[in-house]
Amino acid sequence: MPASPVPSAPRVIDSRVAGVRLHLLREVKDARGDLCVAEVGADLPFAVQRSFLIYNVPNAELRGEHAHRQCGQFLLAVAGSIHVIADDGRQREEFRLDRPSLGLYLPPMTWGIQYRYSEGAVLLVLASDPYDPADYIRDYDEFLALRRGGGLG
């Protein structure tokens, strides 16, 4: 049996958008294939309460286009590539998720848009809270007003 390779060190990169961070997750690579590690506390900024996959999205379609009042999200392109816009009401930044070891943390009160899904792209979303329709802010002007007013109004 081959020796277990040592995983690469995780890295976190801050963005211009408040609280949004790009995570380069630990990887283990050997002749048998690649493995990516994400542990709560070490890599994930919250205990996962919900997960869902988004796939079969036509390239021209937009997904997301909302913010959450309380829920944080961690986005991973487990296949293909996906572009993500993160917006805190003051700063906006675009990210390209193009490998499973690259995750994007969107804290609560961050407007998120996902688009330009490549053929066969699969987005895994890990959420800090169970689904609650009242947590969603779907109107950008309302989001901006809440951000200017200190968050939750």
N, C-alpha and C. Protein backbone atom coordinates (compact mmCIF):
# COMPACT_ATOMS: atom_id res chain seq x y z
N MET A 1 0.85 -1.18 0.00
CA MET A 1 0.00 0.00 0.00
C MET A 1 0.90 1.24 0.00
N PRO A 2 0.61 2.24 -0.87
CA PRO A 2 1.45 3.43 -0.93
C PRO A 2 1.31 4.28 0.32
N ALA A 3 2.37 5.02 0.62
CA ALA A 3 2.34 5.93 1.76
C ALA A 3 1.34 7.04 1.49
N SER A 4 0.72 7.52 2.54
CA SER A 4 -0.23 8.62 2.39
C SER A 4 0.51 9.92 2.14
N PRO A 5 0.19 10.62 1.06
CA PRO A 5 0.84 11.90 0.81
C PRO A 5 0.38 12.96 1.81
N VAL A 6 1.19 13.96 2.00
CA VAL A 6 0.87 15.05 2.91
C VAL A 6 0.04 16.09 2.15
N PRO A 7 -1.10 16.53 2.73
CA PRO A 7 -1.91 17.52 2.02
C PRO A 7 -1.22 18.87 1.97
N SER A 8 -1.51 19.63 0.91
CA SER A 8 -1.00 20.99 0.82
C SER A 8 -1.65 21.83 1.91
N ALA A 9 -1.05 22.95 2.24
CA ALA A 9 -1.58 23.83 3.28
C ALA A 9 -2.73 24.67 2.72
N PRO A 10 -3.80 24.86 3.51
CA PRO A 10 -4.88 25.72 3.04
C PRO A 10 -4.45 27.18 3.07
N ARG A 11 -5.07 27.97 2.20
CA ARG A 11 -4.81 29.41 2.20
C ARG A 11 -6.14 30.13 2.08
N VAL A 12 -6.20 31.30 2.69
CA VAL A 12 -7.39 32.13 2.62
C VAL A 12 -6.97 33.49 2.09
N ILE A 13 -7.71 33.98 1.09
CA ILE A 13 -7.39 35.26 0.47
C ILE A 13 -8.59 36.19 0.66
N ASP A 14 -8.37 37.32 1.32
CA ASP A 14 -9.43 38.31 1.49
C ASP A 14 -9.71 38.99 0.16
N SER A 15 -10.94 39.45 0.00
CA SER A 15 -11.32 40.19 -1.20
C SER A 15 -11.62 41.64 -0.82
N ARG A 16 -11.98 42.43 -1.81
CA ARG A 16 -12.38 43.82 -1.56
C ARG A 16 -13.77 43.89 -0.94
N VAL A 17 -14.55 42.83 -1.07
CA VAL A 17 -15.92 42.80 -0.58
C VAL A 17 -15.90 42.35 0.88
N ALA A 18 -16.57 43.09 1.75
CA ALA A 18 -16.54 42.84 3.19
C ALA A 18 -16.86 41.39 3.54
N GLY A 19 -15.92 40.71 4.19
CA GLY A 19 -16.12 39.36 4.67
C GLY A 19 -16.00 38.24 3.65
N VAL A 20 -15.96 38.59 2.38
CA VAL A 20 -15.87 37.56 1.33
C VAL A 20 -14.42 37.09 1.23
N ARG A 21 -14.24 35.77 1.27
CA ARG A 21 -12.89 35.21 1.22
C ARG A 21 -12.84 34.04 0.25
N LEU A 22 -11.73 33.99 -0.47
CA LEU A 22 -11.44 32.88 -1.38
C LEU A 22 -10.59 31.88 -0.61
N HIS A 23 -11.01 30.62 -0.61
CA HIS A 23 -10.31 29.57 0.13
C HIS A 23 -9.65 28.61 -0.86
N LEU A 24 -8.35 28.44 -0.74
CA LEU A 24 -7.64 27.42 -1.49
C LEU A 24 -7.51 26.23 -0.55
N LEU A 25 -8.33 25.23 -0.76
CA LEU A 25 -8.42 24.10 0.15
C LEU A 25 -7.22 23.17 0.00
N ARG A 26 -6.99 22.41 1.05
CA ARG A 26 -5.89 21.44 1.04
C ARG A 26 -6.18 20.35 0.01
N GLU A 27 -5.13 19.96 -0.70
CA GLU A 27 -5.24 18.90 -1.69
C GLU A 27 -4.22 17.82 -1.41
N VAL A 28 -4.61 16.61 -1.70
CA VAL A 28 -3.70 15.46 -1.67
C VAL A 28 -3.72 14.89 -3.08
N LYS A 29 -2.54 14.82 -3.70
CA LYS A 29 -2.44 14.31 -5.07
C LYS A 29 -1.45 13.16 -5.11
N ASP A 30 -1.85 12.08 -5.73
CA ASP A 30 -0.93 10.98 -5.98
C ASP A 30 -1.40 10.23 -7.22
N ALA A 31 -0.76 9.12 -7.51
CA ALA A 31 -1.05 8.38 -8.73
C ALA A 31 -2.48 7.86 -8.78
N ARG A 32 -3.12 7.74 -7.61
CA ARG A 32 -4.49 7.23 -7.56
C ARG A 32 -5.54 8.30 -7.84
N GLY A 33 -5.11 9.56 -7.87
CA GLY A 33 -6.06 10.66 -8.11
C GLY A 33 -5.88 11.76 -7.09
N ASP A 34 -6.75 12.73 -7.14
CA ASP A 34 -6.67 13.90 -6.27
C ASP A 34 -7.80 13.87 -5.25
N LEU A 35 -7.51 14.43 -4.09
CA LEU A 35 -8.48 14.52 -3.01
C LEU A 35 -8.41 15.93 -2.44
N CYS A 36 -9.54 16.53 -2.19
CA CYS A 36 -9.61 17.88 -1.64
C CYS A 36 -10.27 17.79 -0.27
N VAL A 37 -9.71 18.50 0.72
CA VAL A 37 -10.17 18.41 2.11
C VAL A 37 -10.78 19.74 2.55
N ALA A 38 -11.97 19.66 3.15
CA ALA A 38 -12.61 20.85 3.74
C ALA A 38 -13.20 20.44 5.08
N GLU A 39 -12.60 20.91 6.17
CA GLU A 39 -13.06 20.58 7.51
C GLU A 39 -13.65 21.82 8.18
N VAL A 40 -14.75 21.60 8.91
CA VAL A 40 -15.36 22.69 9.66
C VAL A 40 -14.35 23.20 10.69
N GLY A 41 -14.20 24.50 10.77
CA GLY A 41 -13.26 25.11 11.70
C GLY A 41 -11.92 25.40 11.06
N ALA A 42 -11.37 24.43 10.37
CA ALA A 42 -10.07 24.63 9.72
C ALA A 42 -10.22 25.27 8.34
N ASP A 43 -11.21 24.84 7.58
CA ASP A 43 -11.39 25.30 6.20
C ASP A 43 -12.73 25.99 6.00
N LEU A 44 -13.76 25.43 6.57
CA LEU A 44 -15.11 25.99 6.44
C LEU A 44 -15.40 26.89 7.64
N PRO A 45 -15.92 28.10 7.40
CA PRO A 45 -16.12 29.05 8.49
C PRO A 45 -17.39 28.81 9.32
N PHE A 46 -18.10 27.72 9.06
CA PHE A 46 -19.32 27.42 9.81
C PHE A 46 -19.61 25.93 9.72
N ALA A 47 -20.45 25.46 10.64
CA ALA A 47 -20.93 24.08 10.58
C ALA A 47 -22.04 24.02 9.53
N VAL A 48 -21.91 23.13 8.60
CA VAL A 48 -22.84 23.03 7.48
C VAL A 48 -24.19 22.49 7.97
N GLN A 49 -25.26 23.23 7.67
CA GLN A 49 -26.61 22.83 8.03
C GLN A 49 -27.43 22.39 6.81
N ARG A 50 -26.94 22.76 5.62
CA ARG A 50 -27.67 22.44 4.40
C ARG A 50 -26.69 22.45 3.24
N SER A 51 -26.93 21.61 2.26
CA SER A 51 -26.12 21.64 1.03
C SER A 51 -27.04 21.39 -0.15
N PHE A 52 -26.65 21.96 -1.29
CA PHE A 52 -27.40 21.70 -2.51
C PHE A 52 -26.48 21.86 -3.71
N LEU A 53 -26.87 21.23 -4.81
CA LEU A 53 -26.13 21.28 -6.06
C LEU A 53 -26.93 22.05 -7.10
N ILE A 54 -26.23 22.84 -7.90
CA ILE A 54 -26.85 23.54 -9.03
C ILE A 54 -26.12 23.06 -10.28
N TYR A 55 -26.85 22.57 -11.27
CA TYR A 55 -26.23 22.00 -12.47
C TYR A 55 -27.19 22.10 -13.65
N ASN A 56 -26.71 21.75 -14.83
CA ASN A 56 -27.48 21.87 -16.07
C ASN A 56 -27.95 23.30 -16.31
N VAL A 57 -27.12 24.27 -15.94
CA VAL A 57 -27.47 25.68 -16.13
C VAL A 57 -26.96 26.14 -17.49
N PRO A 58 -27.83 26.63 -18.36
CA PRO A 58 -27.36 27.17 -19.64
C PRO A 58 -26.40 28.34 -19.41
N ASN A 59 -25.40 28.46 -20.26
CA ASN A 59 -24.33 29.45 -20.09
C ASN A 59 -24.84 30.87 -19.92
N ALA A 60 -25.91 31.23 -20.58
CA ALA A 60 -26.40 32.62 -20.54
C ALA A 60 -27.28 32.91 -19.32
N GLU A 61 -27.61 31.90 -18.54
CA GLU A 61 -28.51 32.10 -17.40
C GLU A 61 -27.79 32.59 -16.16
N LEU A 62 -28.52 33.36 -15.34
CA LEU A 62 -28.02 33.83 -14.05
C LEU A 62 -28.68 33.02 -12.95
N ARG A 63 -27.92 32.74 -11.90
CA ARG A 63 -28.45 32.10 -10.70
C ARG A 63 -28.12 33.01 -9.53
N GLY A 64 -28.72 32.73 -8.40
CA GLY A 64 -28.48 33.56 -7.23
C GLY A 64 -29.33 34.81 -7.30
N GLU A 65 -28.69 35.93 -7.51
CA GLU A 65 -29.35 37.24 -7.55
C GLU A 65 -30.15 37.50 -6.27
N HIS A 66 -29.50 37.24 -5.14
CA HIS A 66 -30.11 37.50 -3.85
C HIS A 66 -29.03 37.57 -2.77
N ALA A 67 -29.45 37.98 -1.59
CA ALA A 67 -28.60 37.96 -0.40
C ALA A 67 -29.36 37.23 0.69
N HIS A 68 -28.65 36.86 1.74
CA HIS A 68 -29.26 36.23 2.91
C HIS A 68 -29.06 37.13 4.12
N ARG A 69 -30.08 37.23 4.94
CA ARG A 69 -29.99 38.04 6.16
C ARG A 69 -29.06 37.39 7.18
N GLN A 70 -29.18 36.07 7.39
CA GLN A 70 -28.44 35.37 8.43
C GLN A 70 -27.53 34.26 7.90
N CYS A 71 -27.86 33.68 6.79
CA CYS A 71 -27.17 32.49 6.29
C CYS A 71 -25.87 32.85 5.55
N GLY A 72 -24.80 32.17 5.90
CA GLY A 72 -23.55 32.25 5.15
C GLY A 72 -23.50 31.08 4.17
N GLN A 73 -22.76 31.26 3.08
CA GLN A 73 -22.65 30.20 2.09
C GLN A 73 -21.20 30.01 1.67
N PHE A 74 -20.86 28.77 1.35
CA PHE A 74 -19.54 28.41 0.84
C PHE A 74 -19.76 27.73 -0.50
N LEU A 75 -19.22 28.31 -1.57
CA LEU A 75 -19.46 27.84 -2.93
C LEU A 75 -18.24 27.12 -3.48
N LEU A 76 -18.48 25.97 -4.11
CA LEU A 76 -17.43 25.17 -4.73
C LEU A 76 -17.89 24.69 -6.10
N ALA A 77 -17.09 24.91 -7.12
CA ALA A 77 -17.36 24.34 -8.44
C ALA A 77 -16.74 22.94 -8.44
N VAL A 78 -17.56 21.93 -8.23
CA VAL A 78 -17.04 20.57 -8.16
C VAL A 78 -16.79 19.99 -9.55
N ALA A 79 -17.33 20.65 -10.57
CA ALA A 79 -17.05 20.29 -11.97
C ALA A 79 -17.20 21.56 -12.81
N GLY A 80 -16.37 21.70 -13.82
CA GLY A 80 -16.46 22.84 -14.71
C GLY A 80 -16.06 24.15 -14.05
N SER A 81 -16.56 25.25 -14.61
CA SER A 81 -16.24 26.57 -14.06
C SER A 81 -17.50 27.42 -13.98
N ILE A 82 -17.49 28.32 -13.01
CA ILE A 82 -18.62 29.20 -12.73
C ILE A 82 -18.06 30.54 -12.32
N HIS A 83 -18.65 31.61 -12.82
CA HIS A 83 -18.28 32.95 -12.39
C HIS A 83 -19.25 33.40 -11.30
N VAL A 84 -18.71 34.08 -10.30
CA VAL A 84 -19.51 34.54 -9.17
C VAL A 84 -19.23 36.02 -8.94
N ILE A 85 -20.29 36.79 -8.76
CA ILE A 85 -20.15 38.18 -8.34
C ILE A 85 -20.58 38.26 -6.89
N ALA A 86 -19.74 38.87 -6.05
CA ALA A 86 -20.06 39.13 -4.65
C ALA A 86 -20.11 40.64 -4.47
N ASP A 87 -21.11 41.12 -3.75
CA ASP A 87 -21.37 42.55 -3.64
C ASP A 87 -21.85 42.84 -2.22
N ASP A 88 -21.18 43.78 -1.53
CA ASP A 88 -21.60 44.16 -0.18
C ASP A 88 -22.33 45.50 -0.14
N GLY A 89 -22.69 46.03 -1.29
CA GLY A 89 -23.36 47.31 -1.36
C GLY A 89 -22.41 48.47 -1.58
N ARG A 90 -21.13 48.25 -1.35
CA ARG A 90 -20.09 49.26 -1.59
C ARG A 90 -19.05 48.77 -2.58
N GLN A 91 -18.66 47.53 -2.42
CA GLN A 91 -17.66 46.91 -3.29
C GLN A 91 -18.29 45.72 -3.99
N ARG A 92 -17.82 45.49 -5.20
CA ARG A 92 -18.29 44.35 -6.00
C ARG A 92 -17.05 43.71 -6.61
N GLU A 93 -17.00 42.38 -6.57
CA GLU A 93 -15.84 41.68 -7.14
C GLU A 93 -16.33 40.41 -7.83
N GLU A 94 -15.65 40.08 -8.92
CA GLU A 94 -15.97 38.86 -9.67
C GLU A 94 -14.91 37.81 -9.40
N PHE A 95 -15.35 36.57 -9.26
CA PHE A 95 -14.47 35.43 -9.01
C PHE A 95 -14.79 34.36 -10.05
N ARG A 96 -13.78 33.57 -10.38
CA ARG A 96 -13.98 32.41 -11.26
C ARG A 96 -13.62 31.16 -10.46
N LEU A 97 -14.61 30.34 -10.21
CA LEU A 97 -14.38 29.06 -9.54
C LEU A 97 -14.20 28.02 -10.63
N ASP A 98 -13.01 27.43 -10.69
CA ASP A 98 -12.71 26.54 -11.82
C ASP A 98 -12.01 25.25 -11.42
N ARG A 99 -12.01 24.95 -10.13
CA ARG A 99 -11.47 23.67 -9.67
C ARG A 99 -12.08 23.36 -8.29
N PRO A 100 -12.22 22.08 -7.95
CA PRO A 100 -12.89 21.71 -6.71
C PRO A 100 -12.20 22.22 -5.44
N SER A 101 -10.92 22.53 -5.51
CA SER A 101 -10.19 22.97 -4.32
C SER A 101 -10.26 24.48 -4.09
N LEU A 102 -11.07 25.17 -4.88
CA LEU A 102 -11.19 26.62 -4.76
C LEU A 102 -12.61 26.95 -4.30
N GLY A 103 -12.73 27.44 -3.06
CA GLY A 103 -14.04 27.75 -2.50
C GLY A 103 -14.19 29.24 -2.24
N LEU A 104 -15.42 29.70 -2.25
CA LEU A 104 -15.70 31.11 -2.01
C LEU A 104 -16.70 31.23 -0.88
N TYR A 105 -16.31 31.97 0.17
CA TYR A 105 -17.20 32.21 1.30
C TYR A 105 -17.95 33.52 1.10
N LEU A 106 -19.29 33.44 1.13
CA LEU A 106 -20.15 34.61 1.08
C LEU A 106 -20.83 34.74 2.44
N PRO A 107 -20.46 35.74 3.24
CA PRO A 107 -21.09 35.90 4.55
C PRO A 107 -22.52 36.43 4.41
N PRO A 108 -23.29 36.41 5.49
CA PRO A 108 -24.62 37.01 5.44
C PRO A 108 -24.54 38.45 4.94
N MET A 109 -25.63 38.91 4.34
CA MET A 109 -25.75 40.27 3.82
C MET A 109 -24.75 40.56 2.70
N THR A 110 -24.50 39.53 1.87
CA THR A 110 -23.69 39.69 0.66
C THR A 110 -24.56 39.29 -0.53
N TRP A 111 -24.66 40.19 -1.50
CA TRP A 111 -25.43 39.90 -2.71
C TRP A 111 -24.58 38.99 -3.59
N GLY A 112 -25.15 37.88 -4.03
CA GLY A 112 -24.41 36.93 -4.85
C GLY A 112 -25.11 36.62 -6.16
N ILE A 113 -24.31 36.57 -7.22
CA ILE A 113 -24.80 36.19 -8.54
C ILE A 113 -23.84 35.15 -9.10
N GLN A 114 -24.38 34.06 -9.64
CA GLN A 114 -23.56 33.05 -10.30
C GLN A 114 -23.98 33.01 -11.77
N TYR A 115 -22.99 32.96 -12.65
CA TYR A 115 -23.29 32.98 -14.09
C TYR A 115 -22.11 32.40 -14.86
N ARG A 116 -22.26 32.36 -16.19
CA ARG A 116 -21.26 31.78 -17.09
C ARG A 116 -20.86 30.37 -16.64
N TYR A 117 -21.86 29.54 -16.43
CA TYR A 117 -21.62 28.13 -16.12
C TYR A 117 -21.06 27.46 -17.37
N SER A 118 -19.94 26.80 -17.25
CA SER A 118 -19.40 26.05 -18.39
C SER A 118 -20.23 24.80 -18.61
N GLU A 119 -20.07 24.19 -19.77
CA GLU A 119 -20.74 22.92 -20.07
C GLU A 119 -20.37 21.90 -19.00
N GLY A 120 -21.36 21.29 -18.38
CA GLY A 120 -21.11 20.27 -17.37
C GLY A 120 -20.76 20.80 -15.99
N ALA A 121 -20.85 22.11 -15.79
CA ALA A 121 -20.49 22.70 -14.48
C ALA A 121 -21.48 22.26 -13.40
N VAL A 122 -20.93 22.02 -12.21
CA VAL A 122 -21.74 21.68 -11.04
C VAL A 122 -21.27 22.56 -9.89
N LEU A 123 -22.20 23.33 -9.31
CA LEU A 123 -21.90 24.18 -8.16
C LEU A 123 -22.45 23.52 -6.91
N LEU A 124 -21.57 23.29 -5.93
CA LEU A 124 -21.97 22.79 -4.62
C LEU A 124 -22.03 23.99 -3.68
N VAL A 125 -23.18 24.17 -3.03
CA VAL A 125 -23.35 25.26 -2.07
C VAL A 125 -23.53 24.64 -0.69
N LEU A 126 -22.67 25.04 0.24
CA LEU A 126 -22.78 24.64 1.64
C LEU A 126 -23.32 25.84 2.40
N ALA A 127 -24.37 25.64 3.19
CA ALA A 127 -25.03 26.75 3.87
C ALA A 127 -24.94 26.59 5.38
N SER A 128 -24.85 27.73 6.07
CA SER A 128 -24.72 27.72 7.53
C SER A 128 -26.05 27.49 8.23
N ASP A 129 -27.16 27.64 7.51
CA ASP A 129 -28.49 27.54 8.12
C ASP A 129 -29.42 26.71 7.24
N PRO A 130 -30.43 26.10 7.86
CA PRO A 130 -31.45 25.42 7.06
C PRO A 130 -32.20 26.42 6.19
N TYR A 131 -32.89 25.92 5.20
CA TYR A 131 -33.66 26.79 4.29
C TYR A 131 -34.73 27.56 5.06
N ASP A 132 -34.79 28.87 4.81
CA ASP A 132 -35.81 29.74 5.39
C ASP A 132 -36.12 30.82 4.37
N PRO A 133 -37.30 30.78 3.74
CA PRO A 133 -37.61 31.77 2.71
C PRO A 133 -37.55 33.20 3.23
N ALA A 134 -37.79 33.42 4.53
CA ALA A 134 -37.75 34.78 5.10
C ALA A 134 -36.32 35.32 5.17
N ASP A 135 -35.32 34.45 5.04
CA ASP A 135 -33.92 34.87 5.10
C ASP A 135 -33.45 35.51 3.79
N TYR A 136 -34.19 35.31 2.72
CA TYR A 136 -33.77 35.79 1.40
C TYR A 136 -34.14 37.25 1.20
N ILE A 137 -33.22 38.00 0.60
CA ILE A 137 -33.49 39.35 0.11
C ILE A 137 -33.33 39.26 -1.40
N ARG A 138 -34.41 39.40 -2.13
CA ARG A 138 -34.39 39.19 -3.58
C ARG A 138 -34.43 40.50 -4.38
N ASP A 139 -34.60 41.61 -3.69
CA ASP A 139 -34.64 42.92 -4.35
C ASP A 139 -33.36 43.68 -4.02
N TYR A 140 -32.60 44.05 -5.05
CA TYR A 140 -31.30 44.69 -4.83
C TYR A 140 -31.44 46.04 -4.11
N ASP A 141 -32.46 46.81 -4.43
CA ASP A 141 -32.66 48.10 -3.76
C ASP A 141 -32.94 47.90 -2.27
N GLU A 142 -33.72 46.89 -1.93
CA GLU A 142 -33.97 46.56 -0.52
C GLU A 142 -32.67 46.16 0.16
N PHE A 143 -31.87 45.35 -0.52
CA PHE A 143 -30.57 44.95 0.02
C PHE A 143 -29.71 46.17 0.32
N LEU A 144 -29.63 47.10 -0.64
CA LEU A 144 -28.82 48.31 -0.43
C LEU A 144 -29.34 49.13 0.75
N ALA A 145 -30.66 49.26 0.87
CA ALA A 145 -31.24 50.01 1.99
C ALA A 145 -30.91 49.35 3.32
N LEU A 146 -30.98 48.03 3.37
CA LEU A 146 -30.64 47.31 4.60
C LEU A 146 -29.16 47.47 4.94
N ARG A 147 -28.29 47.40 3.94
CA ARG A 147 -26.85 47.58 4.17
C ARG A 147 -26.57 48.99 4.70
N ARG A 148 -27.20 49.98 4.10
CA ARG A 148 -26.99 51.37 4.56
C ARG A 148 -27.54 51.57 5.96
N GLY A 149 -28.61 50.84 6.28
CA GLY A 149 -29.23 50.98 7.60
C GLY A 149 -28.58 50.14 8.67
N GLY A 150 -27.49 49.46 8.35
CA GLY A 150 -26.76 48.69 9.36
C GLY A 150 -27.02 47.20 9.33
N GLY A 151 -27.66 46.69 8.30
CA GLY A 151 -27.76 45.24 8.18
C GLY A 151 -29.16 44.72 8.08
N LEU A 152 -29.89 44.65 9.18
CA LEU A 152 -31.17 43.96 9.15
C LEU A 152 -32.37 44.87 9.35
N GLY A 153 -32.17 46.15 9.42
CA GLY A 153 -33.29 47.07 9.48
C GLY A 153 -34.06 47.10 10.73
